[in-house]
Amino acid sequence: MTIQRQIETQLTGLMDPELLEVTNESNQHSVPPNSETHFRVVIVSDCFTGQRKVARHQQVYGALSVQLQGPVHALALHTYTPGEWRERQQLAPESPACHGASKAD
């Protein structure tokens, strides 16, 4: 099972999201081809109701603790309640371009 699929399975099972988008953004970073190290996660769930952003992120980190100890180097997290998602007109911020050094540098 791919790392992306593991992330999707974990978050779906633990957070019952209304919306879950997991995007492998590894190709935008200085990593070998076909890597699964950098991910963007947009998750909309009632389980975030009443939680601040830090608590939401901690909840996601806890759910993905195995992946974060191994292959996953970075997560861009965008966590919303259904109401917040509607207020945002169902738009999450795009990930910024990577400014890391190239392995060739």
C-alpha atoms as a PDB file:
ATOM      1  CA  MET A   1       0.000   0.000   0.000  1.00  0.00           C
ATOM      2  CA  THR A   2       1.373   3.435  -0.894  1.00  0.00           C
ATOM      3  CA  ILE A   3       2.105   5.972   1.838  1.00  0.00           C
ATOM      4  CA  GLN A   4      -0.585   8.226   0.364  1.00  0.00           C
ATOM      5  CA  ARG A   5      -3.134   5.419   0.665  1.00  0.00           C
ATOM      6  CA  GLN A   6      -2.027   4.709   4.255  1.00  0.00           C
ATOM      7  CA  ILE A   7      -2.618   8.372   5.133  1.00  0.00           C
ATOM      8  CA  GLU A   8      -6.056   8.316   3.501  1.00  0.00           C
ATOM      9  CA  THR A   9      -7.013   5.099   5.305  1.00  0.00           C
ATOM     10  CA  GLN A  10      -5.828   6.315   8.722  1.00  0.00           C
ATOM     11  CA  LEU A  11      -7.541   9.679   8.533  1.00  0.00           C
ATOM     12  CA  THR A  12     -10.769   8.265   7.107  1.00  0.00           C
ATOM     13  CA  GLY A  13     -10.974   5.618   9.814  1.00  0.00           C
ATOM     14  CA  LEU A  14     -10.219   7.920  12.733  1.00  0.00           C
ATOM     15  CA  MET A  15     -11.812  11.229  11.722  1.00  0.00           C
ATOM     16  CA  ASP A  16     -14.765  10.329   9.499  1.00  0.00           C
ATOM     17  CA  PRO A  17     -14.100  13.302   7.212  1.00  0.00           C
ATOM     18  CA  GLU A  18     -16.716  14.990   5.093  1.00  0.00           C
ATOM     19  CA  LEU A  19     -13.868  15.778   2.693  1.00  0.00           C
ATOM     20  CA  LEU A  20     -10.331  14.398   2.510  1.00  0.00           C
ATOM     21  CA  GLU A  21      -7.753  15.350  -0.103  1.00  0.00           C
ATOM     22  CA  VAL A  22      -4.274  13.874   0.229  1.00  0.00           C
ATOM     23  CA  THR A  23      -1.816  15.083  -2.403  1.00  0.00           C
ATOM     24  CA  ASN A  24       1.706  13.767  -2.808  1.00  0.00           C
ATOM     25  CA  GLU A  25       3.810  16.887  -3.405  1.00  0.00           C
ATOM     26  CA  SER A  26       7.159  15.121  -3.227  1.00  0.00           C
ATOM     27  CA  ASN A  27       7.860  15.859  -6.885  1.00  0.00           C
ATOM     28  CA  GLN A  28       8.044  19.579  -5.973  1.00  0.00           C
ATOM     29  CA  HIS A  29      10.981  18.939  -3.637  1.00  0.00           C
ATOM     30  CA  SER A  30      14.560  17.780  -3.907  1.00  0.00           C
ATOM     31  CA  VAL A  31      13.895  14.065  -3.455  1.00  0.00           C
ATOM     32  CA  PRO A  32      14.371  11.007  -5.675  1.00  0.00           C
ATOM     33  CA  PRO A  33      11.708  10.328  -8.336  1.00  0.00           C
ATOM     34  CA  ASN A  34       8.563   8.522  -7.108  1.00  0.00           C
ATOM     35  CA  SER A  35       9.211   9.517  -3.490  1.00  0.00           C
ATOM     36  CA  GLU A  36       6.402   9.723  -0.953  1.00  0.00           C
ATOM     37  CA  THR A  37       7.818  12.170   1.564  1.00  0.00           C
ATOM     38  CA  HIS A  38       5.889  15.449   1.252  1.00  0.00           C
ATOM     39  CA  PHE A  39       2.089  15.603   1.432  1.00  0.00           C
ATOM     40  CA  ARG A  40      -0.655  18.207   1.427  1.00  0.00           C
ATOM     41  CA  VAL A  41      -3.731  17.208   3.440  1.00  0.00           C
ATOM     42  CA  VAL A  42      -7.064  19.018   3.315  1.00  0.00           C
ATOM     43  CA  ILE A  43      -9.501  17.517   5.793  1.00  0.00           C
ATOM     44  CA  VAL A  44     -12.997  18.667   6.718  1.00  0.00           C
ATOM     45  CA  SER A  45     -14.511  16.941   9.734  1.00  0.00           C
ATOM     46  CA  ASP A  46     -16.922  17.536  12.581  1.00  0.00           C
ATOM     47  CA  CYS A  47     -14.246  16.152  14.914  1.00  0.00           C
ATOM     48  CA  PHE A  48     -12.486  19.553  14.720  1.00  0.00           C
ATOM     49  CA  THR A  49     -15.443  21.444  16.190  1.00  0.00           C
ATOM     50  CA  GLY A  50     -14.349  23.530  19.175  1.00  0.00           C
ATOM     51  CA  GLN A  51     -10.632  22.877  18.580  1.00  0.00           C
ATOM     52  CA  ARG A  52      -7.937  25.405  17.812  1.00  0.00           C
ATOM     53  CA  LYS A  53      -5.642  24.863  14.850  1.00  0.00           C
ATOM     54  CA  VAL A  54      -2.819  23.465  17.022  1.00  0.00           C
ATOM     55  CA  ALA A  55      -5.098  20.822  18.568  1.00  0.00           C
ATOM     56  CA  ARG A  56      -6.383  19.842  15.128  1.00  0.00           C
ATOM     57  CA  HIS A  57      -2.856  19.420  13.816  1.00  0.00           C
ATOM     58  CA  GLN A  58      -1.879  17.404  16.888  1.00  0.00           C
ATOM     59  CA  GLN A  59      -4.846  15.123  16.246  1.00  0.00           C
ATOM     60  CA  VAL A  60      -3.706  14.529  12.658  1.00  0.00           C
ATOM     61  CA  TYR A  61      -0.080  14.012  13.750  1.00  0.00           C
ATOM     62  CA  GLY A  62      -1.271  11.440  16.295  1.00  0.00           C
ATOM     63  CA  ALA A  63      -3.271   9.600  13.657  1.00  0.00           C
ATOM     64  CA  LEU A  64      -0.237   9.498  11.361  1.00  0.00           C
ATOM     65  CA  SER A  65       2.450   8.846  13.976  1.00  0.00           C
ATOM     66  CA  VAL A  66       3.749   5.709  12.231  1.00  0.00           C
ATOM     67  CA  GLN A  67       4.114   7.467   8.879  1.00  0.00           C
ATOM     68  CA  LEU A  68       5.747  10.515  10.496  1.00  0.00           C
ATOM     69  CA  GLN A  69       8.360   8.334  12.191  1.00  0.00           C
ATOM     70  CA  GLY A  70       9.333   6.824   8.867  1.00  0.00           C
ATOM     71  CA  PRO A  71       8.833   7.902   5.304  1.00  0.00           C
ATOM     72  CA  VAL A  72       6.867  11.161   5.683  1.00  0.00           C
ATOM     73  CA  HIS A  73       9.102  14.206   5.966  1.00  0.00           C
ATOM     74  CA  ALA A  74       6.524  16.993   5.690  1.00  0.00           C
ATOM     75  CA  LEU A  75       2.781  17.575   5.939  1.00  0.00           C
ATOM     76  CA  ALA A  76       0.986  20.723   4.847  1.00  0.00           C
ATOM     77  CA  LEU A  77      -2.203  20.549   6.918  1.00  0.00           C
ATOM     78  CA  HIS A  78      -5.442  22.383   6.219  1.00  0.00           C
ATOM     79  CA  THR A  79      -8.043  21.365   8.808  1.00  0.00           C
ATOM     80  CA  TYR A  80     -11.610  22.673   8.833  1.00  0.00           C
ATOM     81  CA  THR A  81     -15.021  22.059  10.312  1.00  0.00           C
ATOM     82  CA  PRO A  82     -17.820  21.744   7.725  1.00  0.00           C
ATOM     83  CA  GLY A  83     -18.984  25.285   8.564  1.00  0.00           C
ATOM     84  CA  GLU A  84     -15.500  26.755   8.133  1.00  0.00           C
ATOM     85  CA  TRP A  85     -15.144  24.937   4.832  1.00  0.00           C
ATOM     86  CA  ARG A  86     -18.388  26.460   3.554  1.00  0.00           C
ATOM     87  CA  GLU A  87     -17.236  29.927   4.721  1.00  0.00           C
ATOM     88  CA  ARG A  88     -14.006  29.442   2.755  1.00  0.00           C
ATOM     89  CA  GLN A  89     -16.113  28.608  -0.300  1.00  0.00           C
ATOM     90  CA  GLN A  90     -14.501  25.152  -0.285  1.00  0.00           C
ATOM     91  CA  LEU A  91     -11.020  26.493  -1.051  1.00  0.00           C
ATOM     92  CA  ALA A  92      -7.803  25.618   0.771  1.00  0.00           C
ATOM     93  CA  PRO A  93      -4.536  27.510   0.301  1.00  0.00           C
ATOM     94  CA  GLU A  94      -2.107  26.188  -2.275  1.00  0.00           C
ATOM     95  CA  SER A  95       1.263  24.966  -1.096  1.00  0.00           C
ATOM     96  CA  PRO A  96       4.097  27.438  -1.635  1.00  0.00           C
ATOM     97  CA  ALA A  97       6.925  26.612  -3.991  1.00  0.00           C
ATOM     98  CA  CYS A  98       9.810  24.746  -2.424  1.00  0.00           C
ATOM     99  CA  HIS A  99      12.796  26.977  -1.698  1.00  0.00           C
ATOM    100  CA  GLY A 100      15.023  24.148  -0.522  1.00  0.00           C
ATOM    101  CA  ALA A 101      18.410  23.585  -2.030  1.00  0.00           C
ATOM    102  CA  SER A 102      18.770  21.169  -4.876  1.00  0.00           C
ATOM    103  CA  LYS A 103      20.840  18.052  -4.276  1.00  0.00           C
ATOM    104  CA  ALA A 104      22.895  19.212  -7.250  1.00  0.00           C
ATOM    105  CA  ASP A 105      23.869  22.452  -5.472  1.00  0.00           C
END
